[in-house]
C-alpha atoms as a PDB file:
ATOM      1  CA  UNK A   1     132.699  86.003 112.219  1.00  0.00           C
ATOM      2  CA  UNK A   2     130.410  83.406 113.791  1.00  0.00           C
ATOM      3  CA  UNK A   3     126.870  84.692 114.321  1.00  0.00           C
ATOM      4  CA  UNK A   4     125.590  86.221 117.499  1.00  0.00           C
ATOM      5  CA  UNK A   5     122.614  84.083 118.855  1.00  0.00           C
ATOM      6  CA  UNK A   6     119.943  85.774 121.032  1.00  0.00           C
ATOM      7  CA  UNK A   7     117.922  83.852 123.679  1.00  0.00           C
ATOM      8  CA  UNK A   8     115.224  86.173 124.622  1.00  0.00           C
ATOM      9  CA  UNK A   9     117.293  89.448 124.527  1.00  0.00           C
ATOM     10  CA  UNK A  10     120.405  88.101 125.568  1.00  0.00           C
ATOM     11  CA  UNK A  11     123.180  87.831 123.101  1.00  0.00           C
ATOM     12  CA  UNK A  12     125.698  84.862 122.916  1.00  0.00           C
ATOM     13  CA  UNK A  13     128.565  85.058 120.873  1.00  0.00           C
ATOM     14  CA  UNK A  14     132.128  86.469 120.378  1.00  0.00           C
ATOM     15  CA  UNK A  15     132.465  89.736 122.472  1.00  0.00           C
ATOM     16  CA  UNK A  16     129.784  88.955 124.888  1.00  0.00           C
ATOM     17  CA  UNK A  17     129.938  87.440 128.276  1.00  0.00           C
ATOM     18  CA  UNK A  18     129.936  83.719 128.326  1.00  0.00           C
ATOM     19  CA  UNK A  19     126.513  82.371 128.558  1.00  0.00           C
ATOM     20  CA  UNK A  20     126.508  79.940 131.855  1.00  0.00           C
ATOM     21  CA  UNK A  21     123.819  77.214 132.036  1.00  0.00           C
ATOM     22  CA  UNK A  22     123.178  75.292 135.366  1.00  0.00           C
ATOM     23  CA  UNK A  23     121.973  71.979 133.986  1.00  0.00           C
ATOM     24  CA  UNK A  24     119.654  70.990 136.911  1.00  0.00           C
ATOM     25  CA  UNK A  25     118.596  68.087 134.501  1.00  0.00           C
ATOM     26  CA  UNK A  26     116.863  65.629 136.569  1.00  0.00           C
ATOM     27  CA  UNK A  27     118.546  66.438 139.801  1.00  0.00           C
ATOM     28  CA  UNK A  28     115.199  67.503 141.203  1.00  0.00           C
ATOM     29  CA  UNK A  29     114.391  63.904 141.581  1.00  0.00           C
ATOM     30  CA  UNK A  30     110.969  64.287 140.294  1.00  0.00           C
ATOM     31  CA  UNK A  31     109.965  66.751 143.081  1.00  0.00           C
ATOM     32  CA  UNK A  32     108.906  70.281 142.076  1.00  0.00           C
ATOM     33  CA  UNK A  33     109.912  71.730 145.508  1.00  0.00           C
ATOM     34  CA  UNK A  34     113.478  70.650 144.674  1.00  0.00           C
ATOM     35  CA  UNK A  35     113.125  71.941 141.234  1.00  0.00           C
ATOM     36  CA  UNK A  36     112.351  75.124 142.358  1.00  0.00           C
ATOM     37  CA  UNK A  37     115.170  75.167 144.818  1.00  0.00           C
ATOM     38  CA  UNK A  38     117.577  74.423 142.181  1.00  0.00           C
ATOM     39  CA  UNK A  39     116.318  77.545 140.261  1.00  0.00           C
ATOM     40  CA  UNK A  40     116.851  79.806 143.224  1.00  0.00           C
ATOM     41  CA  UNK A  41     120.301  78.567 143.975  1.00  0.00           C
ATOM     42  CA  UNK A  42     121.206  78.706 140.340  1.00  0.00           C
ATOM     43  CA  UNK A  43     120.322  82.519 140.260  1.00  0.00           C
ATOM     44  CA  UNK A  44     122.086  82.990 143.566  1.00  0.00           C
ATOM     45  CA  UNK A  45     125.403  81.585 142.033  1.00  0.00           C
ATOM     46  CA  UNK A  46     125.212  83.897 138.975  1.00  0.00           C
ATOM     47  CA  UNK A  47     124.101  81.355 136.242  1.00  0.00           C
ATOM     48  CA  UNK A  48     122.467  83.032 133.509  1.00  0.00           C
ATOM     49  CA  UNK A  49     120.246  80.085 132.729  1.00  0.00           C
ATOM     50  CA  UNK A  50     118.941  76.996 134.564  1.00  0.00           C
ATOM     51  CA  UNK A  51     118.055  73.828 132.418  1.00  0.00           C
ATOM     52  CA  UNK A  52     115.883  70.803 133.002  1.00  0.00           C
ATOM     53  CA  UNK A  53     115.116  67.783 130.852  1.00  0.00           C
ATOM     54  CA  UNK A  54     111.454  67.301 129.559  1.00  0.00           C
ATOM     55  CA  UNK A  55     110.628  63.456 128.893  1.00  0.00           C
ATOM     56  CA  UNK A  56     108.358  60.643 129.395  1.00  0.00           C
ATOM     57  CA  UNK A  57     110.372  57.472 130.233  1.00  0.00           C
ATOM     58  CA  UNK A  58     107.933  55.436 128.171  1.00  0.00           C
ATOM     59  CA  UNK A  59     108.925  57.425 124.923  1.00  0.00           C
ATOM     60  CA  UNK A  60     112.821  57.010 125.770  1.00  0.00           C
ATOM     61  CA  UNK A  61     113.344  53.528 126.848  1.00  0.00           C
ATOM     62  CA  UNK A  62     112.054  50.152 126.498  1.00  0.00           C
ATOM     63  CA  UNK A  63     110.821  48.567 129.824  1.00  0.00           C
ATOM     64  CA  UNK A  64     113.683  46.360 130.251  1.00  0.00           C
ATOM     65  CA  UNK A  65     116.549  48.623 128.855  1.00  0.00           C
ATOM     66  CA  UNK A  66     119.588  48.491 131.062  1.00  0.00           C
ATOM     67  CA  UNK A  67     121.207  51.196 132.815  1.00  0.00           C
ATOM     68  CA  UNK A  68     124.221  52.845 131.651  1.00  0.00           C
ATOM     69  CA  UNK A  69     127.397  51.963 133.371  1.00  0.00           C
ATOM     70  CA  UNK A  70     127.628  55.209 135.205  1.00  0.00           C
ATOM     71  CA  UNK A  71     123.865  54.779 136.450  1.00  0.00           C
ATOM     72  CA  UNK A  72     124.645  51.598 137.791  1.00  0.00           C
ATOM     73  CA  UNK A  73     127.561  52.915 140.079  1.00  0.00           C
ATOM     74  CA  UNK A  74     125.277  55.504 141.677  1.00  0.00           C
ATOM     75  CA  UNK A  75     121.743  53.898 141.596  1.00  0.00           C
ATOM     76  CA  UNK A  76     120.077  50.692 142.504  1.00  0.00           C
ATOM     77  CA  UNK A  77     121.575  48.199 139.897  1.00  0.00           C
ATOM     78  CA  UNK A  78     118.529  46.235 140.341  1.00  0.00           C
ATOM     79  CA  UNK A  79     116.259  48.873 139.141  1.00  0.00           C
ATOM     80  CA  UNK A  80     115.648  49.244 135.326  1.00  0.00           C
ATOM     81  CA  UNK A  81     116.404  52.292 133.472  1.00  0.00           C
ATOM     82  CA  UNK A  82     112.654  52.747 132.799  1.00  0.00           C
ATOM     83  CA  UNK A  83     111.796  52.651 136.383  1.00  0.00           C
ATOM     84  CA  UNK A  84     114.576  55.163 137.439  1.00  0.00           C
ATOM     85  CA  UNK A  85     113.667  57.715 134.686  1.00  0.00           C
ATOM     86  CA  UNK A  86     109.912  57.242 135.553  1.00  0.00           C
ATOM     87  CA  UNK A  87     110.470  58.460 138.944  1.00  0.00           C
ATOM     88  CA  UNK A  88     112.168  61.434 137.538  1.00  0.00           C
ATOM     89  CA  UNK A  89     109.397  62.696 135.511  1.00  0.00           C
ATOM     90  CA  UNK A  90     107.707  66.214 135.856  1.00  0.00           C
ATOM     91  CA  UNK A  91     104.096  67.157 134.710  1.00  0.00           C
ATOM     92  CA  UNK A  92     103.119  70.019 132.583  1.00  0.00           C
ATOM     93  CA  UNK A  93     101.536  71.877 135.492  1.00  0.00           C
ATOM     94  CA  UNK A  94     105.097  71.644 137.154  1.00  0.00           C
ATOM     95  CA  UNK A  95     106.778  73.131 134.167  1.00  0.00           C
ATOM     96  CA  UNK A  96     104.500  75.848 134.076  1.00  0.00           C
ATOM     97  CA  UNK A  97     105.148  76.616 137.661  1.00  0.00           C
ATOM     98  CA  UNK A  98     109.047  76.229 137.016  1.00  0.00           C
ATOM     99  CA  UNK A  99     109.074  78.659 134.096  1.00  0.00           C
ATOM    100  CA  UNK A 100     106.916  80.984 136.373  1.00  0.00           C
ATOM    101  CA  UNK A 101     109.414  80.971 139.180  1.00  0.00           C
ATOM    102  CA  UNK A 102     112.173  81.505 136.689  1.00  0.00           C
ATOM    103  CA  UNK A 103     110.555  84.566 135.279  1.00  0.00           C
ATOM    104  CA  UNK A 104     110.268  85.846 138.863  1.00  0.00           C
ATOM    105  CA  UNK A 105     113.840  85.112 139.569  1.00  0.00           C
ATOM    106  CA  UNK A 106     115.028  86.612 136.333  1.00  0.00           C
ATOM    107  CA  UNK A 107     116.965  83.568 135.237  1.00  0.00           C
ATOM    108  CA  UNK A 108     116.447  81.984 131.919  1.00  0.00           C
ATOM    109  CA  UNK A 109     114.381  78.541 131.570  1.00  0.00           C
ATOM    110  CA  UNK A 110     115.607  75.900 129.257  1.00  0.00           C
ATOM    111  CA  UNK A 111     114.875  72.376 128.836  1.00  0.00           C
ATOM    112  CA  UNK A 112     115.967  69.359 126.738  1.00  0.00           C
ATOM    113  CA  UNK A 113     113.224  67.624 124.941  1.00  0.00           C
ATOM    114  CA  UNK A 114     113.794  63.941 123.980  1.00  0.00           C
ATOM    115  CA  UNK A 115     110.943  63.260 121.446  1.00  0.00           C
ATOM    116  CA  UNK A 116     108.632  65.465 119.150  1.00  0.00           C
ATOM    117  CA  UNK A 117     105.898  65.486 122.035  1.00  0.00           C
ATOM    118  CA  UNK A 118     108.335  66.918 124.433  1.00  0.00           C
ATOM    119  CA  UNK A 119     109.323  69.797 121.972  1.00  0.00           C
ATOM    120  CA  UNK A 120     105.927  70.333 121.291  1.00  0.00           C
ATOM    121  CA  UNK A 121     105.010  70.761 124.842  1.00  0.00           C
ATOM    122  CA  UNK A 122     107.804  73.105 125.548  1.00  0.00           C
ATOM    123  CA  UNK A 123     106.573  75.028 122.421  1.00  0.00           C
ATOM    124  CA  UNK A 124     103.299  75.354 123.855  1.00  0.00           C
ATOM    125  CA  UNK A 125     105.038  76.769 127.055  1.00  0.00           C
ATOM    126  CA  UNK A 126     106.641  79.428 124.806  1.00  0.00           C
ATOM    127  CA  UNK A 127     110.065  78.475 125.614  1.00  0.00           C
ATOM    128  CA  UNK A 128     112.795  80.929 124.108  1.00  0.00           C
ATOM    129  CA  UNK A 129     115.239  78.125 122.903  1.00  0.00           C
ATOM    130  CA  UNK A 130     115.849  74.291 122.894  1.00  0.00           C
ATOM    131  CA  UNK A 131     118.856  72.254 124.157  1.00  0.00           C
ATOM    132  CA  UNK A 132     119.414  68.979 122.253  1.00  0.00           C
ATOM    133  CA  UNK A 133     121.311  66.332 124.085  1.00  0.00           C
ATOM    134  CA  UNK A 134     124.228  64.554 122.566  1.00  0.00           C
ATOM    135  CA  UNK A 135     122.368  61.214 121.801  1.00  0.00           C
ATOM    136  CA  UNK A 136     119.997  63.073 119.464  1.00  0.00           C
ATOM    137  CA  UNK A 137     122.552  64.814 117.407  1.00  0.00           C
ATOM    138  CA  UNK A 138     122.410  61.899 115.037  1.00  0.00           C
ATOM    139  CA  UNK A 139     118.483  61.749 114.896  1.00  0.00           C
ATOM    140  CA  UNK A 140     117.923  64.302 112.067  1.00  0.00           C
ATOM    141  CA  UNK A 141     114.124  64.020 111.770  1.00  0.00           C
ATOM    142  CA  UNK A 142     114.142  65.103 115.191  1.00  0.00           C
ATOM    143  CA  UNK A 143     116.471  67.901 114.805  1.00  0.00           C
ATOM    144  CA  UNK A 144     114.568  69.193 111.898  1.00  0.00           C
ATOM    145  CA  UNK A 145     111.121  68.861 113.775  1.00  0.00           C
ATOM    146  CA  UNK A 146     112.621  70.989 116.636  1.00  0.00           C
ATOM    147  CA  UNK A 147     114.349  73.556 114.032  1.00  0.00           C
ATOM    148  CA  UNK A 148     111.006  74.351 112.495  1.00  0.00           C
ATOM    149  CA  UNK A 149     109.777  75.823 115.571  1.00  0.00           C
ATOM    150  CA  UNK A 150     112.035  78.883 114.707  1.00  0.00           C
ATOM    151  CA  UNK A 151     113.790  78.953 117.850  1.00  0.00           C
ATOM    152  CA  UNK A 152     117.466  78.907 119.008  1.00  0.00           C
ATOM    153  CA  UNK A 153     119.113  75.644 119.343  1.00  0.00           C
ATOM    154  CA  UNK A 154     121.867  74.427 121.559  1.00  0.00           C
ATOM    155  CA  UNK A 155     123.274  71.180 120.438  1.00  0.00           C
ATOM    156  CA  UNK A 156     125.722  69.045 122.467  1.00  0.00           C
ATOM    157  CA  UNK A 157     128.152  66.670 120.412  1.00  0.00           C
ATOM    158  CA  UNK A 158     128.958  63.851 122.762  1.00  0.00           C
ATOM    159  CA  UNK A 159     129.968  60.425 120.887  1.00  0.00           C
ATOM    160  CA  UNK A 160     129.882  61.938 117.556  1.00  0.00           C
ATOM    161  CA  UNK A 161     132.539  62.396 114.739  1.00  0.00           C
ATOM    162  CA  UNK A 162     132.978  65.676 112.850  1.00  0.00           C
ATOM    163  CA  UNK A 163     130.788  64.080 109.963  1.00  0.00           C
ATOM    164  CA  UNK A 164     128.182  63.422 112.092  1.00  0.00           C
ATOM    165  CA  UNK A 165     128.137  66.732 113.626  1.00  0.00           C
ATOM    166  CA  UNK A 166     128.098  68.167 110.117  1.00  0.00           C
ATOM    167  CA  UNK A 167     125.049  66.017 109.253  1.00  0.00           C
ATOM    168  CA  UNK A 168     123.236  67.238 112.201  1.00  0.00           C
ATOM    169  CA  UNK A 169     124.172  70.822 111.682  1.00  0.00           C
ATOM    170  CA  UNK A 170     123.140  70.531 108.004  1.00  0.00           C
ATOM    171  CA  UNK A 171     119.998  68.951 108.672  1.00  0.00           C
ATOM    172  CA  UNK A 172     118.796  71.950 111.074  1.00  0.00           C
ATOM    173  CA  UNK A 173     120.044  74.501 108.469  1.00  0.00           C
ATOM    174  CA  UNK A 174     118.077  72.798 105.695  1.00  0.00           C
ATOM    175  CA  UNK A 175     115.060  72.994 107.994  1.00  0.00           C
ATOM    176  CA  UNK A 176     115.610  77.021 107.772  1.00  0.00           C
ATOM    177  CA  UNK A 177     117.255  77.308 111.369  1.00  0.00           C
ATOM    178  CA  UNK A 178     120.593  79.175 111.414  1.00  0.00           C
ATOM    179  CA  UNK A 179     120.364  80.057 115.254  1.00  0.00           C
ATOM    180  CA  UNK A 180     122.590  77.214 116.384  1.00  0.00           C
ATOM    181  CA  UNK A 181     125.133  76.998 119.243  1.00  0.00           C
ATOM    182  CA  UNK A 182     127.233  73.905 118.996  1.00  0.00           C
ATOM    183  CA  UNK A 183     128.823  72.261 122.016  1.00  0.00           C
ATOM    184  CA  UNK A 184     131.888  70.195 122.528  1.00  0.00           C
ATOM    185  CA  UNK A 185     131.041  67.353 124.879  1.00  0.00           C
ATOM    186  CA  UNK A 186     132.346  64.068 126.287  1.00  0.00           C
ATOM    187  CA  UNK A 187     129.311  61.609 126.936  1.00  0.00           C
ATOM    188  CA  UNK A 188     130.711  60.032 130.347  1.00  0.00           C
ATOM    189  CA  UNK A 189     129.460  60.891 133.960  1.00  0.00           C
ATOM    190  CA  UNK A 190     131.982  61.933 135.194  1.00  0.00           C
ATOM    191  CA  UNK A 191     134.203  62.397 132.219  1.00  0.00           C
ATOM    192  CA  UNK A 192     138.200  62.496 132.699  1.00  0.00           C
ATOM    193  CA  UNK A 193     140.063  65.791 132.104  1.00  0.00           C
ATOM    194  CA  UNK A 194     142.137  64.177 129.389  1.00  0.00           C
ATOM    195  CA  UNK A 195     139.037  63.208 127.312  1.00  0.00           C
ATOM    196  CA  UNK A 196     137.652  66.816 127.369  1.00  0.00           C
ATOM    197  CA  UNK A 197     139.422  67.586 123.899  1.00  0.00           C
ATOM    198  CA  UNK A 198     138.789  71.468 124.047  1.00  0.00           C
ATOM    199  CA  UNK A 199     140.524  72.082 120.690  1.00  0.00           C
ATOM    200  CA  UNK A 200     137.757  69.802 118.853  1.00  0.00           C
ATOM    201  CA  UNK A 201     135.408  72.912 119.763  1.00  0.00           C
ATOM    202  CA  UNK A 202     137.773  75.358 117.814  1.00  0.00           C
ATOM    203  CA  UNK A 203     137.855  72.832 114.947  1.00  0.00           C
ATOM    204  CA  UNK A 204     133.997  72.539 114.696  1.00  0.00           C
ATOM    205  CA  UNK A 205     133.632  76.421 114.931  1.00  0.00           C
ATOM    206  CA  UNK A 206     136.227  76.765 111.952  1.00  0.00           C
ATOM    207  CA  UNK A 207     134.762  73.789 109.930  1.00  0.00           C
ATOM    208  CA  UNK A 208     131.120  74.626 110.169  1.00  0.00           C
ATOM    209  CA  UNK A 209     131.260  78.353 110.713  1.00  0.00           C
ATOM    210  CA  UNK A 210     129.206  78.218 113.857  1.00  0.00           C
ATOM    211  CA  UNK A 211     129.019  79.694 117.306  1.00  0.00           C
ATOM    212  CA  UNK A 212     130.602  76.958 119.892  1.00  0.00           C
ATOM    213  CA  UNK A 213     130.546  76.375 123.384  1.00  0.00           C
ATOM    214  CA  UNK A 214     131.285  73.625 126.020  1.00  0.00           C
ATOM    215  CA  UNK A 215     129.116  71.172 127.923  1.00  0.00           C
ATOM    216  CA  UNK A 216     131.126  69.648 130.792  1.00  0.00           C
ATOM    217  CA  UNK A 217     131.093  66.611 132.771  1.00  0.00           C
ATOM    218  CA  UNK A 218     134.646  66.736 134.381  1.00  0.00           C
ATOM    219  CA  UNK A 219     134.722  66.869 138.071  1.00  0.00           C
ATOM    220  CA  UNK A 220     136.774  70.050 138.156  1.00  0.00           C
ATOM    221  CA  UNK A 221     136.438  73.328 136.450  1.00  0.00           C
ATOM    222  CA  UNK A 222     139.656  73.274 134.379  1.00  0.00           C
ATOM    223  CA  UNK A 223     138.290  72.405 131.210  1.00  0.00           C
ATOM    224  CA  UNK A 224     135.610  74.839 131.439  1.00  0.00           C
ATOM    225  CA  UNK A 225     138.219  77.635 131.804  1.00  0.00           C
ATOM    226  CA  UNK A 226     140.373  76.258 128.892  1.00  0.00           C
ATOM    227  CA  UNK A 227     137.317  76.325 126.746  1.00  0.00           C
ATOM    228  CA  UNK A 228     136.647  79.872 127.786  1.00  0.00           C
ATOM    229  CA  UNK A 229     140.121  80.945 126.839  1.00  0.00           C
ATOM    230  CA  UNK A 230     139.748  79.251 123.446  1.00  0.00           C
ATOM    231  CA  UNK A 231     136.549  81.180 122.730  1.00  0.00           C
ATOM    232  CA  UNK A 232     133.694  79.208 124.171  1.00  0.00           C
ATOM    233  CA  UNK A 233     130.505  81.444 124.214  1.00  0.00           C
ATOM    234  CA  UNK A 234     128.589  79.281 126.374  1.00  0.00           C
ATOM    235  CA  UNK A 235     129.309  76.815 129.278  1.00  0.00           C
ATOM    236  CA  UNK A 236     127.073  74.262 130.621  1.00  0.00           C
ATOM    237  CA  UNK A 237     127.470  72.125 133.705  1.00  0.00           C
ATOM    238  CA  UNK A 238     125.514  69.731 135.761  1.00  0.00           C
ATOM    239  CA  UNK A 239     124.168  71.483 138.838  1.00  0.00           C
ATOM    240  CA  UNK A 240     122.669  69.851 142.008  1.00  0.00           C
ATOM    241  CA  UNK A 241     121.694  70.928 145.568  1.00  0.00           C
ATOM    242  CA  UNK A 242     123.842  68.357 147.078  1.00  0.00           C
ATOM    243  CA  UNK A 243     126.102  65.872 145.376  1.00  0.00           C
ATOM    244  CA  UNK A 244     125.270  63.144 147.973  1.00  0.00           C
ATOM    245  CA  UNK A 245     121.591  62.833 147.004  1.00  0.00           C
ATOM    246  CA  UNK A 246     120.150  59.883 145.468  1.00  0.00           C
ATOM    247  CA  UNK A 247     119.951  59.812 141.591  1.00  0.00           C
ATOM    248  CA  UNK A 248     122.074  59.193 138.449  1.00  0.00           C
ATOM    249  CA  UNK A 249     123.475  62.590 137.955  1.00  0.00           C
ATOM    250  CA  UNK A 250     124.049  64.226 141.399  1.00  0.00           C
ATOM    251  CA  UNK A 251     127.548  62.711 141.981  1.00  0.00           C
ATOM    252  CA  UNK A 252     128.836  64.146 138.597  1.00  0.00           C
ATOM    253  CA  UNK A 253     127.376  67.613 139.313  1.00  0.00           C
ATOM    254  CA  UNK A 254     128.564  70.728 141.047  1.00  0.00           C
ATOM    255  CA  UNK A 255     126.770  71.715 144.278  1.00  0.00           C
ATOM    256  CA  UNK A 256     126.126  75.582 145.010  1.00  0.00           C
ATOM    257  CA  UNK A 257     129.695  76.488 146.142  1.00  0.00           C
ATOM    258  CA  UNK A 258     130.974  74.681 143.204  1.00  0.00           C
ATOM    259  CA  UNK A 259     128.681  76.557 140.701  1.00  0.00           C
ATOM    260  CA  UNK A 260     129.537  79.709 142.408  1.00  0.00           C
ATOM    261  CA  UNK A 261     133.425  79.175 141.954  1.00  0.00           C
ATOM    262  CA  UNK A 262     132.761  78.127 138.212  1.00  0.00           C
ATOM    263  CA  UNK A 263     130.978  81.494 137.482  1.00  0.00           C
ATOM    264  CA  UNK A 264     133.529  83.363 139.391  1.00  0.00           C
ATOM    265  CA  UNK A 265     136.156  81.875 137.503  1.00  0.00           C
ATOM    266  CA  UNK A 266     134.748  82.427 134.004  1.00  0.00           C
ATOM    267  CA  UNK A 267     134.126  86.089 134.696  1.00  0.00           C
ATOM    268  CA  UNK A 268     137.754  86.383 135.822  1.00  0.00           C
ATOM    269  CA  UNK A 269     139.000  84.671 132.862  1.00  0.00           C
ATOM    270  CA  UNK A 270     136.790  86.924 130.644  1.00  0.00           C
ATOM    271  CA  UNK A 271     138.303  89.960 132.361  1.00  0.00           C
ATOM    272  CA  UNK A 272     141.864  88.509 131.944  1.00  0.00           C
ATOM    273  CA  UNK A 273     141.295  87.995 128.070  1.00  0.00           C
ATOM    274  CA  UNK A 274     140.929  91.669 127.601  1.00  0.00           C
ATOM    275  CA  UNK A 275     141.319  92.945 124.056  1.00  0.00           C
ATOM    276  CA  UNK A 276     143.070  91.782 120.896  1.00  0.00           C
ATOM    277  CA  UNK A 277     144.692  95.182 120.443  1.00  0.00           C
ATOM    278  CA  UNK A 278     148.275  95.121 121.853  1.00  0.00           C
ATOM    279  CA  UNK A 279     148.891  98.375 123.820  1.00  0.00           C
ATOM    280  CA  UNK A 280     150.077  99.404 126.993  1.00  0.00           C
ATOM    281  CA  UNK A 281     147.525  99.649 129.784  1.00  0.00           C
ATOM    282  CA  UNK A 282     147.021 102.879 131.728  1.00  0.00           C
ATOM    283  CA  UNK A 283     149.133 101.254 134.475  1.00  0.00           C
ATOM    284  CA  UNK A 284     151.963 100.387 132.253  1.00  0.00           C
ATOM    285  CA  UNK A 285     152.117 103.851 130.688  1.00  0.00           C
ATOM    286  CA  UNK A 286     152.353 105.231 134.339  1.00  0.00           C
ATOM    287  CA  UNK A 287     155.471 102.726 134.898  1.00  0.00           C
ATOM    288  CA  UNK A 288     157.224 103.225 131.588  1.00  0.00           C
ATOM    289  CA  UNK A 289     159.432 105.982 132.825  1.00  0.00           C
ATOM    290  CA  UNK A 290     160.615 104.045 136.054  1.00  0.00           C
ATOM    291  CA  UNK A 291     161.091 100.767 134.180  1.00  0.00           C
ATOM    292  CA  UNK A 292     162.554 101.712 130.944  1.00  0.00           C
ATOM    293  CA  UNK A 293     165.950 103.229 130.192  1.00  0.00           C
ATOM    294  CA  UNK A 294     167.833 106.164 128.846  1.00  0.00           C
ATOM    295  CA  UNK A 295     171.118 106.473 127.201  1.00  0.00           C
ATOM    296  CA  UNK A 296     173.460 107.795 130.041  1.00  0.00           C
ATOM    297  CA  UNK A 297     177.092 109.115 130.137  1.00  0.00           C
ATOM    298  CA  UNK A 298     179.297 106.701 131.729  1.00  0.00           C
ATOM    299  CA  UNK A 299     181.735 109.394 132.384  1.00  0.00           C
ATOM    300  CA  UNK A 300     181.732 113.141 132.430  1.00  0.00           C
ATOM    301  CA  UNK A 301     181.349 114.535 128.884  1.00  0.00           C
ATOM    302  CA  UNK A 302     182.574 118.090 128.329  1.00  0.00           C
ATOM    303  CA  UNK A 303     180.904 120.543 125.830  1.00  0.00           C
ATOM    304  CA  UNK A 304     182.298 119.889 122.221  1.00  0.00           C
ATOM    305  CA  UNK A 305     183.125 116.233 122.951  1.00  0.00           C
ATOM    306  CA  UNK A 306     182.468 113.881 120.019  1.00  0.00           C
ATOM    307  CA  UNK A 307     180.235 111.062 121.385  1.00  0.00           C
ATOM    308  CA  UNK A 308     181.647 107.446 121.176  1.00  0.00           C
ATOM    309  CA  UNK A 309     179.877 104.376 121.970  1.00  0.00           C
ATOM    310  CA  UNK A 310     182.483 103.736 124.865  1.00  0.00           C
ATOM    311  CA  UNK A 311     181.168 106.940 126.514  1.00  0.00           C
ATOM    312  CA  UNK A 312     177.601 105.481 126.901  1.00  0.00           C
ATOM    313  CA  UNK A 313     175.528 102.951 128.595  1.00  0.00           C
ATOM    314  CA  UNK A 314     171.878 102.441 129.485  1.00  0.00           C
ATOM    315  CA  UNK A 315     170.156 102.931 132.671  1.00  0.00           C
ATOM    316  CA  UNK A 316     166.870 103.832 134.146  1.00  0.00           C
ATOM    317  CA  UNK A 317     164.790 106.167 134.207  1.00  0.00           C
ATOM    318  CA  UNK A 318     163.572 106.689 130.575  1.00  0.00           C
ATOM    319  CA  UNK A 319     163.805 110.529 130.872  1.00  0.00           C
ATOM    320  CA  UNK A 320     166.592 111.082 128.202  1.00  0.00           C
ATOM    321  CA  UNK A 321     167.569 109.883 124.506  1.00  0.00           C
ATOM    322  CA  UNK A 322     166.024 106.172 124.448  1.00  0.00           C
ATOM    323  CA  UNK A 323     168.662 103.083 123.638  1.00  0.00           C
ATOM    324  CA  UNK A 324     167.005 102.777 120.195  1.00  0.00           C
ATOM    325  CA  UNK A 325     168.541 106.320 119.092  1.00  0.00           C
ATOM    326  CA  UNK A 326     172.114 105.162 119.811  1.00  0.00           C
ATOM    327  CA  UNK A 327     173.135 105.360 116.356  1.00  0.00           C
ATOM    328  CA  UNK A 328     171.507 108.672 115.965  1.00  0.00           C
ATOM    329  CA  UNK A 329     173.825 110.265 118.645  1.00  0.00           C
ATOM    330  CA  UNK A 330     177.218 108.658 117.946  1.00  0.00           C
ATOM    331  CA  UNK A 331     179.434 111.124 116.289  1.00  0.00           C
ATOM    332  CA  UNK A 332     177.379 114.034 117.494  1.00  0.00           C
ATOM    333  CA  UNK A 333     179.240 116.826 119.619  1.00  0.00           C
ATOM    334  CA  UNK A 334     177.935 117.660 123.275  1.00  0.00           C
ATOM    335  CA  UNK A 335     176.062 121.072 123.307  1.00  0.00           C
ATOM    336  CA  UNK A 336     176.567 121.261 127.288  1.00  0.00           C
ATOM    337  CA  UNK A 337     178.292 119.430 129.804  1.00  0.00           C
ATOM    338  CA  UNK A 338     176.971 116.039 130.682  1.00  0.00           C
ATOM    339  CA  UNK A 339     177.702 114.766 134.295  1.00  0.00           C
ATOM    340  CA  UNK A 340     178.691 111.149 134.569  1.00  0.00           C
ATOM    341  CA  UNK A 341     175.780 108.557 135.298  1.00  0.00           C
ATOM    342  CA  UNK A 342     173.268 110.827 133.980  1.00  0.00           C
ATOM    343  CA  UNK A 343     170.760 110.309 131.432  1.00  0.00           C
ATOM    344  CA  UNK A 344     171.504 112.327 128.277  1.00  0.00           C
ATOM    345  CA  UNK A 345     168.914 114.923 127.558  1.00  0.00           C
ATOM    346  CA  UNK A 346     167.823 115.918 123.812  1.00  0.00           C
ATOM    347  CA  UNK A 347     169.150 119.392 124.422  1.00  0.00           C
ATOM    348  CA  UNK A 348     172.571 118.334 125.474  1.00  0.00           C
ATOM    349  CA  UNK A 349     173.459 117.281 121.930  1.00  0.00           C
ATOM    350  CA  UNK A 350     174.158 119.061 118.783  1.00  0.00           C
ATOM    351  CA  UNK A 351     171.636 117.463 116.413  1.00  0.00           C
END
């Protein structure tokens, strides 16, 4: 049994409701008012957590770094990645206000640090956990720096092989942190359904004995639903106020109606999964008599008749001797007359 992880006081693991993260990321476009509105809408849609990204552009990319292909398609191709990210930074006082608003709205705040300084800032803000992006999975010194802060770590695994995932997880464990949730992820925005590879989540869980979930970039919610059915304890999906807004991630995010539908779908899937114990439901118990069959007499059977198989058939309702007892009544004698086309009762036979 993989470990149950607690973020603040919320348990994440087998047997608990799927923890749903609305990944606001940089969809605030560098504006505090939009960030606060994302918090509000995420709460209204039923998410457990709203997550952002804490960074300084100067510490992530060089001034001349080109944009990723997906960024070129949705932002100004003449703008450098540095200039794009610079516009998406938030300041320490912004994070303080966002965290305070999350507390007011009763929704968990999380953010992704990209460097030690970012992680230290979040530590100073007393965050309850850290989310590590796929790109940093292979940066073991950074992983260990965050791990030593003693808070749960949610790790995305996009672009990684199983060997790389193992190395990253092992680095965290060697730093003394066992509170890890590992997410299957495909690093492409948007990513295609056929690349979701949800079964890899199960493989990682079994190979590393680790709590797992899924971080999704597919335009629809099918991969999320599949991951829940296969045991995901956490789902993360990009979230925006409007998919048509300017910025690198809006077009591959869910808007509020989409997030609300995701949450509803996950909760319905959880309900349908039920229990591993195979037993009839109360509704089935009530239906049993009308749906199962009894052994019936196909012709009138007089008192003293020796019962033969050709005298018998099976029909609803299940109020008489059940079909599974056929061999038990063959050769027995009739104790009291049995009319044709009626279930054979137990007291009609000389046992």
